[in-house]
């Protein structure tokens, strides 16, 4: 993922880490929620 984004952005690499961090944080927060939803659903 990171490699593809880096190729597309090119000089915008400085913004990449921040965007990746935000997405990673969102994923980390979403994963537990999904896991809980699946648990409750079962």
PDB file of N, CA and C in Angstrom:
ATOM      1  N   UNK A   1       0.841  -1.203   0.000  1.00  0.00           N
ATOM      2  CA  UNK A   1       0.000   0.000   0.000  1.00  0.00           C
ATOM      3  C   UNK A   1       0.877   1.254   0.000  1.00  0.00           C
ATOM      4  N   UNK A   2       1.750   1.354   1.001  1.00  0.00           N
ATOM      5  CA  UNK A   2       2.598   2.539   1.113  1.00  0.00           C
ATOM      6  C   UNK A   2       3.366   2.791  -0.178  1.00  0.00           C
ATOM      7  N   UNK A   3       3.929   1.740  -0.753  1.00  0.00           N
ATOM      8  CA  UNK A   3       4.724   1.909  -1.980  1.00  0.00           C
ATOM      9  C   UNK A   3       3.862   2.505  -3.088  1.00  0.00           C
ATOM     10  N   UNK A   4       2.674   1.981  -3.277  1.00  0.00           N
ATOM     11  CA  UNK A   4       1.802   2.509  -4.336  1.00  0.00           C
ATOM     12  C   UNK A   4       1.521   3.991  -4.098  1.00  0.00           C
ATOM     13  N   UNK A   5       1.145   4.335  -2.873  1.00  0.00           N
ATOM     14  CA  UNK A   5       0.841   5.728  -2.561  1.00  0.00           C
ATOM     15  C   UNK A   5       2.057   6.611  -2.817  1.00  0.00           C
ATOM     16  N   UNK A   6       3.218   6.133  -2.395  1.00  0.00           N
ATOM     17  CA  UNK A   6       4.439   6.923  -2.574  1.00  0.00           C
ATOM     18  C   UNK A   6       4.660   7.201  -4.056  1.00  0.00           C
ATOM     19  N   UNK A   7       4.452   6.191  -4.891  1.00  0.00           N
ATOM     20  CA  UNK A   7       4.654   6.387  -6.329  1.00  0.00           C
ATOM     21  C   UNK A   7       3.675   7.430  -6.859  1.00  0.00           C
ATOM     22  N   UNK A   8       2.425   7.379  -6.410  1.00  0.00           N
ATOM     23  CA  UNK A   8       1.418   8.321  -6.896  1.00  0.00           C
ATOM     24  C   UNK A   8       1.709   9.737  -6.407  1.00  0.00           C
ATOM     25  N   UNK A   9       2.063   9.867  -5.126  1.00  0.00           N
ATOM     26  CA  UNK A   9       2.280  11.187  -4.549  1.00  0.00           C
ATOM     27  C   UNK A   9       3.619  11.772  -4.991  1.00  0.00           C
ATOM     28  N   UNK A  10       4.672  10.953  -4.954  1.00  0.00           N
ATOM     29  CA  UNK A  10       5.982  11.446  -5.361  1.00  0.00           C
ATOM     30  C   UNK A  10       6.515  12.483  -4.382  1.00  0.00           C
ATOM     31  N   UNK A  11       6.476  13.760  -4.755  1.00  0.00           N
ATOM     32  CA  UNK A  11       7.022  14.815  -3.896  1.00  0.00           C
ATOM     33  C   UNK A  11       6.171  14.997  -2.641  1.00  0.00           C
ATOM     34  N   UNK A  12       4.946  14.498  -2.642  1.00  0.00           N
ATOM     35  CA  UNK A  12       4.063  14.665  -1.478  1.00  0.00           C
ATOM     36  C   UNK A  12       4.361  13.635  -0.393  1.00  0.00           C
ATOM     37  N   UNK A  13       5.513  12.989  -0.486  1.00  0.00           N
ATOM     38  CA  UNK A  13       5.854  11.955   0.507  1.00  0.00           C
ATOM     39  C   UNK A  13       5.788  12.514   1.933  1.00  0.00           C
ATOM     40  N   UNK A  14       6.062  13.794   2.083  1.00  0.00           N
ATOM     41  CA  UNK A  14       6.036  14.396   3.434  1.00  0.00           C
ATOM     42  C   UNK A  14       4.650  14.231   4.056  1.00  0.00           C
ATOM     43  N   UNK A  15       3.617  14.305   3.256  1.00  0.00           N
ATOM     44  CA  UNK A  15       2.247  14.185   3.784  1.00  0.00           C
ATOM     45  C   UNK A  15       1.891  12.721   4.027  1.00  0.00           C
ATOM     46  N   UNK A  16       2.544  11.823   3.311  1.00  0.00           N
ATOM     47  CA  UNK A  16       2.219  10.402   3.421  1.00  0.00           C
ATOM     48  C   UNK A  16       2.186   9.881   4.853  1.00  0.00           C
ATOM     49  N   UNK A  17       3.272   9.985   5.607  1.00  0.00           N
ATOM     50  CA  UNK A  17       3.303   9.406   6.965  1.00  0.00           C
ATOM     51  C   UNK A  17       2.092   9.829   7.779  1.00  0.00           C
ATOM     52  N   UNK A  18       1.726  11.101   7.714  1.00  0.00           N
ATOM     53  CA  UNK A  18       0.586  11.592   8.495  1.00  0.00           C
ATOM     54  C   UNK A  18      -0.694  10.884   8.031  1.00  0.00           C
ATOM     55  N   UNK A  19      -0.911  10.826   6.730  1.00  0.00           N
ATOM     56  CA  UNK A  19      -2.106  10.180   6.206  1.00  0.00           C
ATOM     57  C   UNK A  19      -2.123   8.704   6.601  1.00  0.00           C
ATOM     58  N   UNK A  20      -0.974   8.051   6.472  1.00  0.00           N
ATOM     59  CA  UNK A  20      -0.888   6.618   6.829  1.00  0.00           C
ATOM     60  C   UNK A  20      -1.178   6.450   8.318  1.00  0.00           C
ATOM     61  N   UNK A  21      -0.617   7.313   9.141  1.00  0.00           N
ATOM     62  CA  UNK A  21      -0.845   7.216  10.589  1.00  0.00           C
ATOM     63  C   UNK A  21      -2.338   7.350  10.887  1.00  0.00           C
ATOM     64  N   UNK A  22      -2.991   8.304  10.259  1.00  0.00           N
ATOM     65  CA  UNK A  22      -4.426   8.499  10.499  1.00  0.00           C
ATOM     66  C   UNK A  22      -5.186   7.246  10.079  1.00  0.00           C
ATOM     67  N   UNK A  23      -4.892   6.724   8.884  1.00  0.00           N
ATOM     68  CA  UNK A  23      -5.585   5.520   8.417  1.00  0.00           C
ATOM     69  C   UNK A  23      -5.309   4.359   9.368  1.00  0.00           C
ATOM     70  N   UNK A  24      -4.056   4.212   9.786  1.00  0.00           N
ATOM     71  CA  UNK A  24      -3.689   3.126  10.699  1.00  0.00           C
ATOM     72  C   UNK A  24      -4.465   3.265  12.003  1.00  0.00           C
ATOM     73  N   UNK A  25      -4.546   4.480  12.522  1.00  0.00           N
ATOM     74  CA  UNK A  25      -5.278   4.695  13.776  1.00  0.00           C
ATOM     75  C   UNK A  25      -6.742   4.324  13.583  1.00  0.00           C
ATOM     76  N   UNK A  26      -7.320   4.758  12.472  1.00  0.00           N
ATOM     77  CA  UNK A  26      -8.721   4.427  12.203  1.00  0.00           C
ATOM     78  C   UNK A  26      -8.898   2.916  12.121  1.00  0.00           C
ATOM     79  N   UNK A  27      -7.974   2.234  11.466  1.00  0.00           N
ATOM     80  CA  UNK A  27      -8.071   0.781  11.335  1.00  0.00           C
ATOM     81  C   UNK A  27      -7.987   0.128  12.711  1.00  0.00           C
ATOM     82  N   UNK A  28      -7.019   0.564  13.508  1.00  0.00           N
ATOM     83  CA  UNK A  28      -6.853  -0.015  14.845  1.00  0.00           C
ATOM     84  C   UNK A  28      -8.132   0.160  15.658  1.00  0.00           C
ATOM     85  N   UNK A  29      -8.774   1.315  15.523  1.00  0.00           N
ATOM     86  CA  UNK A  29     -10.006   1.584  16.280  1.00  0.00           C
ATOM     87  C   UNK A  29     -11.160   0.774  15.694  1.00  0.00           C
ATOM     88  N   UNK A  30     -11.158   0.622  14.361  1.00  0.00           N
ATOM     89  CA  UNK A  30     -12.262  -0.093  13.717  1.00  0.00           C
ATOM     90  C   UNK A  30     -12.168  -1.591  13.968  1.00  0.00           C
ATOM     91  N   UNK A  31     -10.968  -2.137  13.965  1.00  0.00           N
ATOM     92  CA  UNK A  31     -10.804  -3.585  14.148  1.00  0.00           C
ATOM     93  C   UNK A  31     -11.466  -4.070  15.432  1.00  0.00           C
ATOM     94  N   UNK A  32     -11.137  -3.506  16.595  1.00  0.00           N
ATOM     95  CA  UNK A  32     -11.760  -3.966  17.836  1.00  0.00           C
ATOM     96  C   UNK A  32     -13.281  -3.852  17.764  1.00  0.00           C
ATOM     97  N   UNK A  33     -13.783  -2.766  17.192  1.00  0.00           N
ATOM     98  CA  UNK A  33     -15.235  -2.593  17.095  1.00  0.00           C
ATOM     99  C   UNK A  33     -15.837  -3.725  16.270  1.00  0.00           C
ATOM    100  N   UNK A  34     -15.233  -3.990  15.109  1.00  0.00           N
ATOM    101  CA  UNK A  34     -15.744  -5.067  14.248  1.00  0.00           C
ATOM    102  C   UNK A  34     -15.705  -6.395  14.996  1.00  0.00           C
ATOM    103  N   UNK A  35     -14.604  -6.645  15.685  1.00  0.00           N
ATOM    104  CA  UNK A  35     -14.453  -7.893  16.424  1.00  0.00           C
ATOM    105  C   UNK A  35     -15.573  -8.003  17.456  1.00  0.00           C
ATOM    106  N   UNK A  36     -15.858  -6.895  18.128  1.00  0.00           N
ATOM    107  CA  UNK A  36     -16.917  -6.904  19.151  1.00  0.00           C
ATOM    108  C   UNK A  36     -18.267  -7.158  18.482  1.00  0.00           C
ATOM    109  N   UNK A  37     -18.510  -6.485  17.370  1.00  0.00           N
ATOM    110  CA  UNK A  37     -19.784  -6.652  16.663  1.00  0.00           C
ATOM    111  C   UNK A  37     -19.958  -8.113  16.257  1.00  0.00           C
ATOM    112  N   UNK A  38     -18.878  -8.724  15.756  1.00  0.00           N
ATOM    113  CA  UNK A  38     -18.958 -10.127  15.342  1.00  0.00           C
ATOM    114  C   UNK A  38     -19.261 -10.995  16.561  1.00  0.00           C
ATOM    115  N   UNK A  39     -18.585 -10.715  17.664  1.00  0.00           N
ATOM    116  CA  UNK A  39     -18.804 -11.495  18.892  1.00  0.00           C
ATOM    117  C   UNK A  39     -20.264 -11.400  19.304  1.00  0.00           C
ATOM    118  N   UNK A  40     -20.778 -10.183  19.371  1.00  0.00           N
ATOM    119  CA  UNK A  40     -22.164  -9.961  19.797  1.00  0.00           C
ATOM    120  C   UNK A  40     -23.122 -10.629  18.810  1.00  0.00           C
ATOM    121  N   UNK A  41     -22.807 -10.494  17.502  1.00  0.00           N
ATOM    122  CA  UNK A  41     -23.673 -11.087  16.485  1.00  0.00           C
ATOM    123  C   UNK A  41     -23.796 -12.585  16.682  1.00  0.00           C
ATOM    124  N   UNK A  42     -22.680 -13.220  17.026  1.00  0.00           N
ATOM    125  CA  UNK A  42     -22.693 -14.669  17.229  1.00  0.00           C
ATOM    126  C   UNK A  42     -23.437 -14.987  18.515  1.00  0.00           C
TER     127      UNK A  42
END
